[in-house]
Each structure stands twice: as structure tokens, then as C-alpha cells.
Amino acid sequence: GLSARRPSNLSGEADSLDSWKPSVYYVMLILGLASMVISCCASAIYSPMEGWSYGESLYFCFVAFSTIGFGDLVSSQRQAYANQALYRAGNFLLILMGVCCIYSLFNV
């Protein structure tokens, strides 16, 4: 009969995929740690470059990474920076990575 047939390849693949799915808590932990590391590293850069305190820099990271964007602190607003091109590229990459991590964390 039909019940004696082998399971189709698709159901076998689905069963094997269930074993590698990470726990939601594990994903949240990794994204949370990544967000904190990125925020701390970015704050260490923003603090001396923008003349903000470390706390202000962390606040800026949260506001920027979560895309709230109050506008009370804005990076790259000075006329000139030491290594301006490098700073702006780093600023872009840090904000991009932070936004990706926070967005993913909010949607887990």
C-alpha cells in the first residue's frame, strides 16, 4: 500500500534541517553580545573623535542603531577630522553593522 513507501526526499530533508536550527535564546544572546561589542567599540571611537563623553557615545549608538534618530547627537559634523575618509568609512560600517544587529535582535 501507500503507507509502505519510503518517505519522499523533501520530508527527509525537512527532518534533517530540524536538528541544526539554533535556539531562539542562543540567537538572541549572540545578537545581543554582538550589538554590545559593536556599541562599545563605536563609542570608544566616537568619544575622542566627536568630543562626546563615553556615555553620550553609547547613547548615540543606541539611538542610531535602533534607527530612532533624535538628532541631538550627530556624527561627522565637524569641518575636518584627522583621517577624515577613514573615519567616515568606519562610521558608515559601524552604523551599518549596529543597525543590522539591533534590527535582527528586535525581530527575533
N, C-alpha and C. Protein backbone atom coordinates (compact mmCIF):
# COMPACT_ATOMS: atom_id res chain seq x y z
N GLY A 1 0.81 -1.18 0.00
CA GLY A 1 0.00 0.00 0.00
C GLY A 1 0.86 1.24 0.00
N LEU A 2 0.19 2.31 0.11
CA LEU A 2 0.85 3.61 0.09
C LEU A 2 1.66 3.87 1.35
N SER A 3 1.25 3.30 2.47
CA SER A 3 1.96 3.56 3.71
C SER A 3 3.33 2.88 3.76
N ALA A 4 3.57 1.88 2.94
CA ALA A 4 4.83 1.17 2.94
C ALA A 4 5.89 1.86 2.11
N ARG A 5 5.55 2.92 1.43
CA ARG A 5 6.53 3.62 0.58
C ARG A 5 7.53 4.39 1.43
N ARG A 6 8.69 4.55 0.85
CA ARG A 6 9.70 5.36 1.52
C ARG A 6 9.22 6.81 1.61
N PRO A 7 9.63 7.54 2.65
CA PRO A 7 9.27 8.95 2.70
C PRO A 7 9.96 9.69 1.57
N SER A 8 9.28 10.68 1.06
CA SER A 8 9.87 11.43 -0.05
C SER A 8 11.12 12.15 0.41
N ASN A 9 11.93 12.51 -0.54
CA ASN A 9 13.18 13.21 -0.26
C ASN A 9 12.93 14.53 0.48
N LEU A 10 11.85 15.22 0.14
CA LEU A 10 11.57 16.52 0.77
C LEU A 10 11.31 16.38 2.26
N SER A 11 10.55 15.39 2.68
CA SER A 11 10.30 15.23 4.11
C SER A 11 11.57 14.79 4.84
N GLY A 12 12.40 14.01 4.18
CA GLY A 12 13.67 13.61 4.79
C GLY A 12 14.59 14.80 4.99
N GLU A 13 14.59 15.72 4.02
CA GLU A 13 15.40 16.93 4.16
C GLU A 13 14.86 17.81 5.27
N ALA A 14 13.55 17.91 5.38
CA ALA A 14 12.94 18.73 6.43
C ALA A 14 13.30 18.18 7.81
N ASP A 15 13.29 16.85 7.96
CA ASP A 15 13.65 16.25 9.23
C ASP A 15 15.10 16.54 9.59
N SER A 16 15.98 16.48 8.61
CA SER A 16 17.39 16.72 8.90
C SER A 16 17.67 18.19 9.19
N LEU A 17 16.86 19.09 8.67
CA LEU A 17 17.06 20.51 8.94
C LEU A 17 16.63 20.89 10.35
N ASP A 18 15.71 20.16 10.93
CA ASP A 18 15.25 20.46 12.28
C ASP A 18 16.37 20.32 13.30
N SER A 19 17.32 19.44 13.06
CA SER A 19 18.37 19.19 14.04
C SER A 19 19.39 20.31 14.14
N TRP A 20 19.54 21.14 13.11
CA TRP A 20 20.57 22.19 13.16
C TRP A 20 20.01 23.56 13.50
N LYS A 21 18.71 23.71 13.65
CA LYS A 21 18.13 25.01 13.96
C LYS A 21 18.56 25.46 15.35
N PRO A 22 19.15 26.65 15.45
CA PRO A 22 19.59 27.12 16.77
C PRO A 22 18.40 27.58 17.60
N SER A 23 18.57 27.57 18.88
CA SER A 23 17.54 28.05 19.79
C SER A 23 17.38 29.56 19.63
N VAL A 24 16.17 30.03 19.82
CA VAL A 24 15.90 31.48 19.75
C VAL A 24 16.73 32.21 20.80
N TYR A 25 16.87 31.60 21.97
CA TYR A 25 17.63 32.23 23.05
C TYR A 25 19.11 32.34 22.69
N TYR A 26 19.63 31.33 22.01
CA TYR A 26 21.02 31.35 21.56
C TYR A 26 21.23 32.47 20.54
N VAL A 27 20.30 32.62 19.61
CA VAL A 27 20.39 33.68 18.59
C VAL A 27 20.31 35.04 19.26
N MET A 28 19.39 35.20 20.22
CA MET A 28 19.27 36.48 20.93
C MET A 28 20.54 36.81 21.71
N LEU A 29 21.13 35.81 22.32
CA LEU A 29 22.37 36.00 23.07
C LEU A 29 23.49 36.47 22.14
N ILE A 30 23.66 35.81 21.02
CA ILE A 30 24.72 36.17 20.07
C ILE A 30 24.50 37.57 19.52
N LEU A 31 23.27 37.88 19.11
CA LEU A 31 22.97 39.22 18.57
C LEU A 31 23.12 40.29 19.64
N GLY A 32 22.70 39.99 20.86
CA GLY A 32 22.85 40.95 21.95
C GLY A 32 24.31 41.23 22.26
N LEU A 33 25.11 40.18 22.32
CA LEU A 33 26.55 40.37 22.57
C LEU A 33 27.22 41.12 21.42
N ALA A 34 26.86 40.77 20.19
CA ALA A 34 27.43 41.47 19.03
C ALA A 34 27.05 42.95 19.06
N SER A 35 25.81 43.25 19.41
CA SER A 35 25.36 44.64 19.49
C SER A 35 26.13 45.41 20.55
N MET A 36 26.35 44.77 21.71
CA MET A 36 27.09 45.43 22.79
C MET A 36 28.55 45.65 22.40
N VAL A 37 29.16 44.67 21.78
CA VAL A 37 30.57 44.82 21.37
C VAL A 37 30.71 45.94 20.33
N ILE A 38 29.81 45.95 19.35
CA ILE A 38 29.85 47.00 18.32
C ILE A 38 29.62 48.37 18.96
N SER A 39 28.65 48.46 19.87
CA SER A 39 28.36 49.73 20.54
C SER A 39 29.55 50.22 21.36
N CYS A 40 30.18 49.32 22.09
CA CYS A 40 31.32 49.71 22.92
C CYS A 40 32.51 50.14 22.06
N CYS A 41 32.76 49.41 20.98
CA CYS A 41 33.86 49.78 20.08
C CYS A 41 33.58 51.10 19.37
N ALA A 42 32.36 51.27 18.91
CA ALA A 42 31.99 52.52 18.24
C ALA A 42 32.07 53.69 19.21
N SER A 43 31.63 53.48 20.45
CA SER A 43 31.69 54.55 21.46
C SER A 43 33.13 54.94 21.77
N ALA A 44 34.02 53.95 21.77
CA ALA A 44 35.44 54.25 22.01
C ALA A 44 36.01 55.09 20.88
N ILE A 45 35.46 54.99 19.69
CA ILE A 45 35.91 55.80 18.56
C ILE A 45 35.23 57.16 18.58
N TYR A 46 33.91 57.19 18.81
CA TYR A 46 33.17 58.45 18.78
C TYR A 46 33.57 59.40 19.89
N SER A 47 33.87 58.86 21.05
CA SER A 47 34.17 59.71 22.19
C SER A 47 35.32 60.70 21.91
N PRO A 48 36.49 60.25 21.50
CA PRO A 48 37.56 61.22 21.22
C PRO A 48 37.37 61.99 19.90
N MET A 49 36.77 61.34 18.91
CA MET A 49 36.64 61.98 17.60
C MET A 49 35.59 63.09 17.60
N GLU A 50 34.50 62.89 18.34
CA GLU A 50 33.41 63.86 18.35
C GLU A 50 33.44 64.76 19.58
N GLY A 51 34.29 64.42 20.55
CA GLY A 51 34.35 65.20 21.78
C GLY A 51 33.18 64.92 22.72
N TRP A 52 32.59 63.74 22.60
CA TRP A 52 31.48 63.35 23.47
C TRP A 52 32.02 62.52 24.63
N SER A 53 31.25 62.46 25.72
CA SER A 53 31.60 61.54 26.80
C SER A 53 31.30 60.12 26.31
N TYR A 54 31.83 59.14 27.02
CA TYR A 54 31.58 57.75 26.61
C TYR A 54 30.10 57.42 26.72
N GLY A 55 29.45 57.94 27.76
CA GLY A 55 28.01 57.73 27.92
C GLY A 55 27.21 58.33 26.77
N GLU A 56 27.58 59.54 26.36
CA GLU A 56 26.91 60.16 25.21
C GLU A 56 27.12 59.34 23.95
N SER A 57 28.32 58.79 23.81
CA SER A 57 28.61 57.96 22.65
C SER A 57 27.77 56.68 22.64
N LEU A 58 27.61 56.06 23.82
CA LEU A 58 26.76 54.87 23.91
C LEU A 58 25.31 55.22 23.59
N TYR A 59 24.86 56.37 24.09
CA TYR A 59 23.50 56.84 23.80
C TYR A 59 23.33 57.06 22.30
N PHE A 60 24.32 57.69 21.66
CA PHE A 60 24.27 57.90 20.22
C PHE A 60 24.18 56.57 19.48
N CYS A 61 24.97 55.59 19.91
CA CYS A 61 24.95 54.27 19.26
C CYS A 61 23.58 53.64 19.36
N PHE A 62 22.96 53.67 20.54
CA PHE A 62 21.63 53.07 20.67
C PHE A 62 20.62 53.79 19.78
N VAL A 63 20.65 55.12 19.81
CA VAL A 63 19.69 55.90 19.01
C VAL A 63 19.92 55.67 17.52
N ALA A 64 21.17 55.64 17.10
CA ALA A 64 21.47 55.44 15.68
C ALA A 64 21.19 54.00 15.25
N PHE A 65 21.63 53.04 16.04
CA PHE A 65 21.49 51.64 15.67
C PHE A 65 20.03 51.20 15.66
N SER A 66 19.23 51.75 16.54
CA SER A 66 17.81 51.37 16.58
C SER A 66 16.98 52.22 15.62
N THR A 67 17.62 53.09 14.89
CA THR A 67 17.03 54.00 13.88
C THR A 67 15.99 54.94 14.47
N ILE A 68 16.12 55.27 15.75
CA ILE A 68 15.24 56.27 16.36
C ILE A 68 15.62 57.64 15.82
N GLY A 69 16.92 57.97 15.91
CA GLY A 69 17.46 59.18 15.29
C GLY A 69 16.86 60.48 15.79
N PHE A 70 17.03 60.79 17.07
CA PHE A 70 16.52 62.05 17.61
C PHE A 70 17.20 63.26 16.98
N GLY A 71 18.47 63.13 16.64
CA GLY A 71 19.20 64.24 16.03
C GLY A 71 19.89 65.14 17.03
N ASP A 72 19.83 64.82 18.32
CA ASP A 72 20.52 65.65 19.31
C ASP A 72 22.03 65.43 19.28
N LEU A 73 22.47 64.25 18.89
CA LEU A 73 23.89 63.96 18.66
C LEU A 73 24.01 63.44 17.23
N VAL A 74 24.88 64.05 16.45
CA VAL A 74 25.08 63.65 15.06
C VAL A 74 26.57 63.53 14.82
N SER A 75 26.99 62.41 14.26
CA SER A 75 28.42 62.22 14.00
C SER A 75 28.81 62.86 12.67
N SER A 76 30.10 63.07 12.49
CA SER A 76 30.69 63.60 11.25
C SER A 76 30.19 64.99 10.88
N GLN A 77 30.00 65.85 11.89
CA GLN A 77 29.50 67.20 11.61
C GLN A 77 30.59 68.27 11.66
N ARG A 78 31.79 67.89 12.06
CA ARG A 78 32.90 68.86 12.07
C ARG A 78 33.37 69.14 10.66
N GLN A 79 34.01 70.27 10.52
CA GLN A 79 34.54 70.65 9.21
C GLN A 79 35.63 69.69 8.75
N ALA A 80 36.51 69.30 9.67
CA ALA A 80 37.62 68.41 9.30
C ALA A 80 37.97 67.50 10.47
N TYR A 81 38.38 66.30 10.14
CA TYR A 81 38.83 65.31 11.11
C TYR A 81 40.20 64.82 10.67
N ALA A 82 40.97 64.31 11.64
CA ALA A 82 42.19 63.60 11.27
C ALA A 82 41.75 62.31 10.59
N ASN A 83 42.34 61.99 9.46
CA ASN A 83 41.96 60.79 8.68
C ASN A 83 40.46 60.79 8.37
N GLN A 84 39.99 61.85 7.79
CA GLN A 84 38.56 62.04 7.57
C GLN A 84 37.92 60.92 6.74
N ALA A 85 38.55 60.52 5.67
CA ALA A 85 37.98 59.47 4.83
C ALA A 85 37.89 58.15 5.59
N LEU A 86 38.92 57.82 6.34
CA LEU A 86 38.92 56.60 7.15
C LEU A 86 37.84 56.67 8.23
N TYR A 87 37.71 57.83 8.89
CA TYR A 87 36.70 57.99 9.93
C TYR A 87 35.29 57.84 9.36
N ARG A 88 35.03 58.45 8.25
CA ARG A 88 33.69 58.37 7.65
C ARG A 88 33.38 56.95 7.17
N ALA A 89 34.36 56.27 6.61
CA ALA A 89 34.15 54.87 6.20
C ALA A 89 33.89 53.99 7.43
N GLY A 90 34.68 54.19 8.47
CA GLY A 90 34.48 53.44 9.71
C GLY A 90 33.13 53.74 10.34
N ASN A 91 32.76 55.01 10.32
CA ASN A 91 31.46 55.43 10.85
C ASN A 91 30.33 54.72 10.10
N PHE A 92 30.41 54.70 8.78
CA PHE A 92 29.41 54.03 7.96
C PHE A 92 29.33 52.54 8.31
N LEU A 93 30.48 51.87 8.38
CA LEU A 93 30.49 50.43 8.64
C LEU A 93 29.98 50.10 10.04
N LEU A 94 30.37 50.92 11.04
CA LEU A 94 29.90 50.66 12.40
C LEU A 94 28.39 50.85 12.51
N ILE A 95 27.88 51.91 11.91
CA ILE A 95 26.43 52.13 11.96
C ILE A 95 25.70 51.03 11.20
N LEU A 96 26.22 50.62 10.06
CA LEU A 96 25.59 49.55 9.29
C LEU A 96 25.55 48.25 10.08
N MET A 97 26.67 47.87 10.68
CA MET A 97 26.71 46.63 11.47
C MET A 97 25.80 46.74 12.69
N GLY A 98 25.82 47.90 13.35
CA GLY A 98 24.95 48.09 14.51
C GLY A 98 23.48 48.02 14.16
N VAL A 99 23.10 48.66 13.07
CA VAL A 99 21.70 48.63 12.64
C VAL A 99 21.29 47.20 12.30
N CYS A 100 22.14 46.48 11.62
CA CYS A 100 21.81 45.08 11.26
C CYS A 100 21.63 44.22 12.51
N CYS A 101 22.52 44.35 13.48
CA CYS A 101 22.42 43.54 14.69
C CYS A 101 21.18 43.91 15.50
N ILE A 102 20.95 45.21 15.71
CA ILE A 102 19.80 45.64 16.50
C ILE A 102 18.50 45.28 15.81
N TYR A 103 18.43 45.49 14.50
CA TYR A 103 17.22 45.15 13.74
C TYR A 103 16.94 43.65 13.86
N SER A 104 17.97 42.85 13.71
CA SER A 104 17.79 41.39 13.83
C SER A 104 17.38 41.01 15.25
N LEU A 105 17.97 41.67 16.24
CA LEU A 105 17.63 41.39 17.63
C LEU A 105 16.18 41.75 17.93
N PHE A 106 15.71 42.89 17.41
CA PHE A 106 14.33 43.30 17.63
C PHE A 106 13.34 42.36 16.95
N ASN A 107 13.77 41.63 15.93
CA ASN A 107 12.87 40.78 15.16
C ASN A 107 13.03 39.28 15.44
N VAL A 108 13.79 38.92 16.47
CA VAL A 108 13.94 37.50 16.79
C VAL A 108 12.66 37.00 17.41
